[in-house]
Protein backbone atom coordinates (compact mmCIF):
# COMPACT_ATOMS: atom_id res chain seq x y z
CA MET A 1 -79.50 102.95 -20.88
CA THR A 2 -78.24 101.95 -17.48
CA ASP A 3 -75.00 103.23 -15.99
CA ARG A 4 -73.38 99.80 -16.02
CA LEU A 5 -71.48 99.25 -19.27
CA GLY A 6 -71.33 95.92 -21.07
CA SER A 7 -68.14 94.11 -21.93
CA GLY A 8 -66.28 94.67 -25.20
CA HIS A 9 -66.65 92.41 -28.23
CA ARG A 10 -64.02 89.68 -28.38
CA GLY A 11 -62.77 88.94 -31.87
CA TYR A 12 -62.06 92.34 -33.37
CA THR A 13 -59.68 95.13 -32.54
CA GLY A 14 -59.88 98.89 -32.50
CA HIS A 15 -62.26 101.17 -30.65
CA VAL A 16 -65.92 100.25 -30.98
CA HIS A 17 -68.39 102.73 -29.54
CA ARG A 18 -70.69 101.22 -26.98
CA VAL A 19 -74.41 101.48 -27.71
CA GLY A 20 -77.53 101.11 -25.61
CA VAL A 21 -81.26 101.27 -26.25
CA GLU A 22 -84.27 102.72 -24.43
CA GLU A 23 -87.74 101.47 -25.38
CA GLU A 24 -91.11 102.88 -24.36
CA LEU A 25 -93.94 100.33 -24.26
CA PHE A 26 -97.71 100.56 -23.81
CA VAL A 27 -99.60 98.69 -21.10
CA VAL A 28 -102.68 96.97 -22.56
CA ASP A 29 -105.50 94.68 -21.44
CA HIS A 30 -106.70 91.46 -23.10
CA ARG A 31 -108.66 93.50 -25.65
CA GLY A 32 -105.61 95.48 -26.74
CA ARG A 33 -106.86 98.65 -25.06
CA LEU A 34 -104.39 100.90 -23.29
CA VAL A 35 -104.83 100.87 -19.51
CA PRO A 36 -103.26 103.14 -16.84
CA GLU A 37 -101.62 100.28 -14.93
CA ALA A 38 -97.92 101.20 -15.07
CA GLU A 39 -97.65 101.17 -11.28
CA ALA A 40 -98.91 97.59 -11.11
CA VAL A 41 -96.56 96.48 -13.89
CA LEU A 42 -93.56 98.13 -12.26
CA ALA A 43 -94.39 96.47 -8.95
CA ALA A 44 -94.73 93.06 -10.60
CA HIS A 45 -91.52 93.60 -12.53
CA ARG A 46 -89.56 94.18 -9.34
CA ASP A 47 -90.25 90.55 -8.48
CA HIS A 48 -89.14 89.32 -11.94
CA ASP A 49 -86.03 91.42 -12.50
CA PRO A 50 -85.14 93.55 -9.46
CA GLU A 51 -81.68 94.44 -10.81
CA HIS A 52 -83.06 96.13 -13.95
CA PRO A 53 -86.20 98.05 -12.97
CA LEU A 54 -88.64 99.44 -15.47
CA GLU A 55 -89.30 103.16 -15.27
CA HIS A 56 -92.30 105.45 -15.45
CA GLU A 57 -93.13 107.60 -18.44
CA LEU A 58 -95.32 110.67 -18.77
CA PHE A 59 -98.54 108.65 -18.66
CA LEU A 60 -99.60 105.61 -16.65
CA GLN A 61 -100.36 103.76 -19.88
CA GLN A 62 -96.59 103.55 -20.53
CA VAL A 63 -93.41 102.05 -19.12
CA GLU A 64 -89.80 102.31 -20.24
CA LEU A 65 -87.01 99.73 -20.31
CA LYS A 66 -83.31 100.43 -20.73
CA THR A 67 -80.44 98.19 -21.74
CA SER A 68 -76.88 98.59 -20.61
CA ALA A 69 -74.31 99.87 -23.11
CA HIS A 70 -72.38 97.27 -25.10
CA ALA A 71 -69.63 97.08 -27.67
CA ALA A 72 -70.55 93.51 -28.61
CA PRO A 73 -73.61 93.28 -30.88
CA ASP A 74 -74.55 89.87 -29.47
CA ALA A 75 -74.40 91.28 -25.95
CA LEU A 76 -76.73 94.13 -26.91
CA ARG A 77 -79.18 91.68 -28.45
CA ASP A 78 -79.10 89.37 -25.44
CA ASP A 79 -79.62 92.31 -23.11
CA LEU A 80 -82.57 93.73 -25.04
CA VAL A 81 -84.22 90.31 -25.34
CA ALA A 82 -83.79 89.65 -21.62
CA ARG A 83 -85.26 93.06 -20.67
CA ARG A 84 -88.22 92.56 -23.01
CA VAL A 85 -88.92 89.05 -21.72
CA ALA A 86 -88.79 90.12 -18.07
CA ALA A 87 -91.08 93.08 -18.73
CA VAL A 88 -93.61 91.04 -20.72
CA ASP A 89 -93.66 88.28 -18.10
CA ALA A 90 -94.23 90.79 -15.32
CA ALA A 91 -97.22 92.31 -17.10
CA ARG A 92 -98.69 88.91 -17.93
CA SER A 93 -98.38 87.80 -14.32
CA ILE A 94 -101.07 90.36 -13.44
CA GLY A 95 -103.27 89.75 -16.49
CA LEU A 96 -101.90 92.54 -18.67
CA ASP A 97 -99.52 92.81 -21.60
CA LEU A 98 -96.87 95.16 -22.93
CA VAL A 99 -96.87 96.16 -26.57
CA ALA A 100 -94.05 97.76 -28.56
CA VAL A 101 -96.18 100.08 -30.68
CA PRO A 102 -95.63 103.82 -31.01
CA VAL A 103 -99.22 105.16 -30.76
CA ASP A 104 -102.64 104.17 -29.45
CA VAL A 105 -103.98 102.01 -32.28
CA LEU A 106 -107.54 101.44 -31.04
CA GLY A 107 -108.18 104.62 -29.08
CA GLY A 108 -110.21 104.78 -25.91
CA ASP A 109 -109.87 106.48 -22.56
CA ASP A 110 -107.87 109.67 -22.12
CA PRO A 111 -104.23 109.46 -20.99
CA VAL A 112 -103.70 109.39 -17.22
CA VAL A 113 -100.75 111.48 -16.06
CA THR A 114 -98.17 109.71 -13.92
CA PRO A 115 -98.43 111.28 -10.43
CA HIS A 116 -94.98 112.84 -10.34
CA PRO A 117 -94.44 116.60 -9.90
CA ARG A 118 -92.44 116.95 -13.11
CA TYR A 119 -94.99 115.10 -15.23
CA THR A 120 -97.85 117.05 -13.69
CA ARG A 121 -96.04 120.28 -14.45
CA ILE A 122 -95.52 119.24 -18.10
CA VAL A 123 -99.21 118.55 -18.63
CA GLU A 124 -100.22 121.75 -16.85
CA ARG A 125 -97.82 123.77 -19.04
CA PHE A 126 -98.54 122.12 -22.39
CA GLY A 127 -102.14 120.99 -21.94
CA GLU A 128 -103.69 119.30 -24.94
CA LEU A 129 -100.35 119.15 -26.74
CA ALA A 130 -99.07 116.81 -24.01
CA ARG A 131 -102.26 114.75 -23.85
CA THR A 132 -102.39 114.18 -27.62
CA THR A 133 -98.74 113.15 -27.88
CA MET A 134 -98.81 109.99 -25.80
CA VAL A 135 -96.29 108.09 -27.94
CA CYS A 136 -93.65 105.41 -27.55
CA GLY A 137 -90.24 105.81 -29.16
CA MET A 138 -86.89 104.08 -29.19
CA HIS A 139 -83.86 106.13 -28.18
CA VAL A 140 -80.39 104.97 -29.16
CA HIS A 141 -77.42 106.06 -27.04
CA VAL A 142 -73.92 105.89 -28.51
CA GLU A 143 -70.89 106.53 -26.32
CA VAL A 144 -69.02 109.62 -27.56
CA GLY A 145 -66.14 111.66 -26.20
CA GLU A 146 -66.98 115.17 -25.05
CA ASP A 147 -64.88 116.77 -27.80
CA ASP A 148 -66.74 114.87 -30.54
CA ALA A 149 -70.35 115.17 -29.36
CA ILE A 150 -71.33 118.42 -31.12
CA ARG A 151 -69.77 117.45 -34.44
CA VAL A 152 -71.55 114.10 -34.25
CA ILE A 153 -74.91 115.79 -33.64
CA ASP A 154 -74.35 118.26 -36.46
CA THR A 155 -73.18 115.64 -38.97
CA LEU A 156 -75.95 113.15 -38.22
CA ARG A 157 -78.65 115.57 -39.40
CA PRO A 158 -79.11 114.46 -43.04
CA TRP A 159 -78.90 110.75 -42.15
CA LEU A 160 -81.52 110.63 -39.43
CA PRO A 161 -84.57 110.48 -41.77
CA LEU A 162 -83.21 107.18 -43.12
CA LEU A 163 -83.10 105.72 -39.61
CA ALA A 164 -86.63 106.98 -38.99
CA ALA A 165 -87.82 105.35 -42.20
CA LEU A 166 -86.38 101.97 -41.21
CA ALA A 167 -88.13 102.15 -37.82
CA SER A 168 -91.53 103.34 -39.12
CA ASN A 169 -94.17 101.46 -37.16
CA SER A 170 -97.22 103.65 -36.58
CA PRO A 171 -99.73 103.79 -39.46
CA PHE A 172 -102.91 103.53 -37.34
CA THR A 173 -104.21 105.63 -34.48
CA HIS A 174 -107.56 105.80 -32.70
CA GLY A 175 -109.13 103.34 -35.12
CA ARG A 176 -108.03 105.11 -38.29
CA ASP A 177 -105.34 104.75 -40.94
CA THR A 178 -103.29 107.95 -40.81
CA ARG A 179 -101.89 107.44 -44.35
CA MET A 180 -98.49 107.86 -42.71
CA ALA A 181 -95.89 105.19 -41.98
CA SER A 182 -94.90 106.96 -38.74
CA TRP A 183 -97.69 108.94 -37.13
CA ARG A 184 -95.62 109.06 -33.96
CA GLY A 185 -92.92 110.97 -35.85
CA HIS A 186 -95.47 113.61 -36.81
CA LEU A 187 -96.79 113.90 -33.25
CA ARG A 188 -93.30 114.14 -31.77
CA ASP A 189 -92.44 117.04 -34.03
CA THR A 190 -95.39 119.08 -32.72
CA TRP A 191 -93.46 119.74 -29.49
CA PRO A 192 -91.84 123.20 -29.67
CA SER A 193 -88.47 121.83 -28.55
CA ALA A 194 -88.42 118.83 -30.94
CA GLY A 195 -87.09 118.09 -34.37
CA VAL A 196 -84.25 119.09 -36.63
CA VAL A 197 -82.25 122.24 -35.87
CA GLU A 198 -79.46 124.28 -37.41
CA PRO A 199 -75.91 122.97 -36.81
CA PHE A 200 -74.35 124.14 -33.56
CA GLY A 201 -70.66 124.21 -34.36
CA ASP A 202 -69.62 124.22 -30.72
CA ARG A 203 -70.86 123.29 -27.26
CA ARG A 204 -71.53 126.90 -26.31
CA SER A 205 -74.12 127.22 -29.09
CA TYR A 206 -75.73 123.98 -27.97
CA ARG A 207 -75.99 125.22 -24.38
CA LEU A 208 -77.46 128.48 -25.62
CA LEU A 209 -80.25 126.62 -27.43
CA VAL A 210 -81.04 124.62 -24.29
CA GLU A 211 -81.11 127.75 -22.14
CA GLN A 212 -83.30 129.62 -24.63
CA ALA A 213 -85.75 126.71 -24.87
CA ILE A 214 -86.16 126.74 -21.09
CA ALA A 215 -86.31 130.54 -20.86
CA SER A 216 -89.00 130.72 -23.56
CA GLY A 217 -91.12 128.04 -21.93
CA ALA A 218 -90.71 125.64 -24.87
CA ALA A 219 -89.17 123.21 -22.36
CA ILE A 220 -89.42 123.07 -18.58
CA ASP A 221 -85.91 121.60 -18.24
CA GLU A 222 -83.07 120.16 -20.30
CA HIS A 223 -84.71 116.72 -20.44
CA MET A 224 -87.53 118.27 -22.48
CA VAL A 225 -85.26 119.49 -25.29
CA TYR A 226 -86.45 116.79 -27.68
CA LEU A 227 -83.97 117.28 -30.53
CA ASP A 228 -83.56 114.55 -33.16
CA ALA A 229 -80.08 114.02 -31.70
CA ARG A 230 -78.88 115.54 -28.45
CA ILE A 231 -76.25 115.25 -25.75
CA ALA A 232 -77.59 112.90 -23.08
CA THR A 233 -77.93 114.39 -19.62
CA ARG A 234 -77.19 111.21 -17.63
CA TYR A 235 -74.66 109.38 -19.78
CA PRO A 236 -71.53 110.18 -21.85
CA THR A 237 -73.49 109.63 -25.05
CA VAL A 238 -75.20 111.17 -28.01
CA GLU A 239 -78.87 110.21 -27.90
CA VAL A 240 -80.74 109.72 -31.20
CA ARG A 241 -84.52 110.03 -30.79
CA VAL A 242 -86.05 109.76 -34.27
CA ALA A 243 -87.10 106.09 -34.23
CA ASP A 244 -90.51 104.63 -33.51
CA VAL A 245 -90.37 101.86 -30.95
CA CYS A 246 -89.93 98.71 -33.04
CA THR A 247 -92.11 95.67 -32.44
CA GLU A 248 -89.42 93.32 -33.76
CA VAL A 249 -86.18 93.16 -31.79
CA ASP A 250 -84.28 92.68 -35.05
CA ASP A 251 -85.58 96.02 -36.35
CA ALA A 252 -84.53 97.78 -33.16
CA LEU A 253 -81.05 96.29 -33.34
CA LEU A 254 -80.70 97.25 -37.02
CA VAL A 255 -81.42 100.89 -36.20
CA ALA A 256 -79.06 100.76 -33.21
CA GLU A 257 -76.18 99.29 -35.21
CA LEU A 258 -76.58 101.79 -38.06
CA THR A 259 -76.68 104.62 -35.53
CA ARG A 260 -73.50 103.36 -33.90
CA ALA A 261 -71.82 103.03 -37.30
CA LEU A 262 -72.77 106.57 -38.29
CA VAL A 263 -71.31 107.94 -35.06
CA ALA A 264 -68.12 105.89 -35.45
CA THR A 265 -67.71 107.05 -39.05
CA ILE A 266 -68.15 110.70 -38.10
CA VAL A 267 -65.62 110.43 -35.27
CA THR A 268 -63.04 108.34 -37.11
CA GLU A 269 -63.16 110.05 -40.49
CA ARG A 270 -63.69 113.57 -39.11
CA THR A 271 -66.64 113.91 -41.45
CA ASP A 272 -67.64 117.45 -42.44
CA PRO A 273 -71.12 118.34 -41.09
CA GLY A 274 -71.96 120.12 -44.34
CA SER A 275 -74.34 123.04 -44.73
CA TRP A 276 -77.71 121.36 -45.22
CA ARG A 277 -80.65 123.76 -45.29
CA ILE A 278 -83.12 123.07 -42.54
CA ASP A 279 -86.07 123.15 -44.94
CA VAL A 280 -84.50 120.36 -46.99
CA LEU A 281 -84.03 118.25 -43.88
CA ARG A 282 -87.61 118.89 -42.78
CA ASP A 283 -88.81 117.71 -46.18
CA ALA A 284 -86.59 114.66 -45.82
CA GLY A 285 -88.14 113.87 -42.44
CA TRP A 286 -91.64 114.32 -43.84
CA ARG A 287 -91.01 111.86 -46.68
CA ALA A 288 -89.58 109.32 -44.25
CA ARG A 289 -92.61 109.61 -41.98
CA ARG A 290 -95.05 109.55 -44.86
CA ASP A 291 -93.79 106.69 -47.04
CA ALA A 292 -90.92 105.01 -45.16
CA LEU A 293 -89.33 102.61 -47.68
CA ASP A 294 -92.24 102.69 -50.16
CA GLY A 295 -91.28 105.95 -51.82
CA THR A 296 -88.30 108.21 -52.29
CA LEU A 297 -85.93 109.20 -49.49
CA PHE A 298 -83.32 111.89 -49.16
CA ASP A 299 -79.84 110.69 -50.11
CA PRO A 300 -77.15 112.79 -48.39
CA LEU A 301 -74.50 111.64 -50.88
CA SER A 302 -76.32 113.04 -53.91
CA GLY A 303 -78.36 115.70 -52.11
CA THR A 304 -81.51 114.54 -53.90
CA PHE A 305 -84.59 112.41 -53.26
CA VAL A 306 -84.03 108.94 -54.71
CA PRO A 307 -85.69 105.49 -54.43
CA ALA A 308 -85.39 104.08 -50.92
CA THR A 309 -83.11 101.25 -52.09
CA ARG A 310 -80.56 103.73 -53.42
CA ALA A 311 -80.70 105.97 -50.34
CA LEU A 312 -80.12 103.02 -48.00
CA ASP A 313 -77.28 101.82 -50.20
CA SER A 314 -75.64 105.22 -49.70
CA LEU A 315 -76.06 104.82 -45.94
CA VAL A 316 -74.56 101.33 -45.77
CA THR A 317 -71.73 102.29 -48.14
CA THR A 318 -70.86 105.29 -45.99
CA VAL A 319 -70.64 103.29 -42.75
CA ARG A 320 -69.33 99.99 -44.15
CA ALA A 321 -65.91 100.25 -42.52
CA ALA A 322 -67.46 100.96 -39.12
CA LEU A 323 -69.86 98.03 -39.52
CA ARG A 324 -66.96 95.74 -40.37
CA SER A 325 -65.03 96.96 -37.33
CA ALA A 326 -68.01 96.22 -35.08
CA GLY A 327 -68.60 92.84 -36.70
CA THR A 328 -72.12 93.75 -37.85
CA ILE A 329 -71.83 94.20 -41.62
CA ASP A 330 -73.55 90.92 -42.52
CA ARG A 331 -76.46 91.31 -40.14
CA VAL A 332 -77.01 94.95 -41.12
CA GLU A 333 -77.01 94.21 -44.84
CA ALA A 334 -79.39 91.31 -44.22
CA GLY A 335 -81.64 93.53 -42.09
CA VAL A 336 -81.83 96.28 -44.69
CA HIS A 337 -82.58 93.71 -47.39
CA ARG A 338 -85.31 92.18 -45.23
CA LEU A 339 -87.08 95.49 -44.69
CA LEU A 340 -86.78 96.47 -48.35
CA THR A 341 -88.23 93.10 -49.33
CA TYR A 342 -90.96 92.60 -46.75
CA GLY A 343 -91.57 96.11 -45.48
CA THR A 344 -91.32 97.98 -42.21
CA GLY A 345 -93.47 97.54 -39.14
CA ALA A 346 -96.03 99.88 -40.69
CA VAL A 347 -96.37 97.59 -43.71
CA ARG A 348 -96.83 94.58 -41.42
CA GLN A 349 -99.60 96.31 -39.48
CA ARG A 350 -101.52 97.18 -42.63
CA ALA A 351 -101.13 93.63 -43.95
CA VAL A 352 -102.47 92.16 -40.70
CA ALA A 353 -105.34 94.67 -40.61
CA GLY A 354 -106.70 93.70 -44.01
CA ASP A 355 -109.60 95.46 -45.74
CA PRO A 356 -111.80 96.49 -44.03
CA PRO A 357 -109.20 96.89 -41.28
CA ASP A 358 -109.42 94.75 -38.14
CA LEU A 359 -107.36 96.72 -35.65
CA ARG A 360 -108.05 94.28 -32.81
CA ALA A 361 -106.16 91.73 -34.92
CA VAL A 362 -103.34 94.26 -35.34
CA MET A 363 -103.04 94.70 -31.58
CA ALA A 364 -103.07 90.95 -30.99
CA ASP A 365 -100.28 90.52 -33.53
CA LEU A 366 -98.27 93.36 -32.00
CA ALA A 367 -98.63 91.92 -28.49
CA ARG A 368 -97.45 88.52 -29.67
CA ARG A 369 -94.43 89.85 -31.55
CA THR A 370 -93.34 92.17 -28.74
CA ASP A 371 -92.34 89.00 -26.90
CA PRO A 372 -89.00 87.93 -28.50
CA ARG A 373 -89.86 84.28 -27.75
CA SER A 374 -92.77 84.35 -30.20
CA ARG A 375 -90.60 83.78 -33.26
């Protein structure tokens, strides 16, 4: 999310938290194979969109784009579409493509570390763990006042598996079906500084966790504290990191709007963080990664695992007032209905693959749909 903030939404009153999105994308060749050509893509992109540069990621097979922060949902959509289009066009201008997919579907050459001292240090410290977790996620930033940030992070905990389920988009990796809806989610949680944690209660406890992670070697710096939700280091936001990168822009925006609504509800209604056991929340995350919307999900209102339709109904019901305030209730309800009816990105990939699976066809479909103009 860039430092420049978007304009507010005309047509409704009251405070609406601004939201921005970061997306990590893979660089691929005409065969759908990942290639370590991030430097070339970034150079080409500077000619297409010099005001909004792409950024490096840990490996040269990846790039990252960032929107500005917006109160207006249409402005966020327009921004994300424009950033995607500029990035895709830059890659295509040099015979490559960018694909919004969370993991390496086909498999091939080993990851190539981006030649930056920090990235080199990460791979030297974490070795095979780093090399086997080359993944692409979507991070949602929601503007939050300093006094509210910790309570937001604590209270989001039981709801985050539902967001992860909606964004599930990584069933295949290295030529195989993982039997998971989000293999990226599993890989991300193998980092020692990642995942769900106990509630903090105050900022001092949060800082203590960060300092202990660095002191123990579980993270080399604060940027490597990969919590499901954390205080952003560069922006006045809470950053939610549970989502796979979504191939469809509409899926990304659905997750972003629900994240914003959850934050707004927590801040406005002074919601109690509750005392959820961490083992329950880990189980909830596992079910979301395993089955997405095709099984049962954890419902924070009942405290039980229920059919996905019921769990998502609890989510939308809880944040309905915030969605109305932001002007997004209709599009969010339509988006949830669409995914419940037609399935997540993981379902789409398996449908395209067929039986026996043709993963080259999956990559071709993903590359086409990453471009928002393909609809």
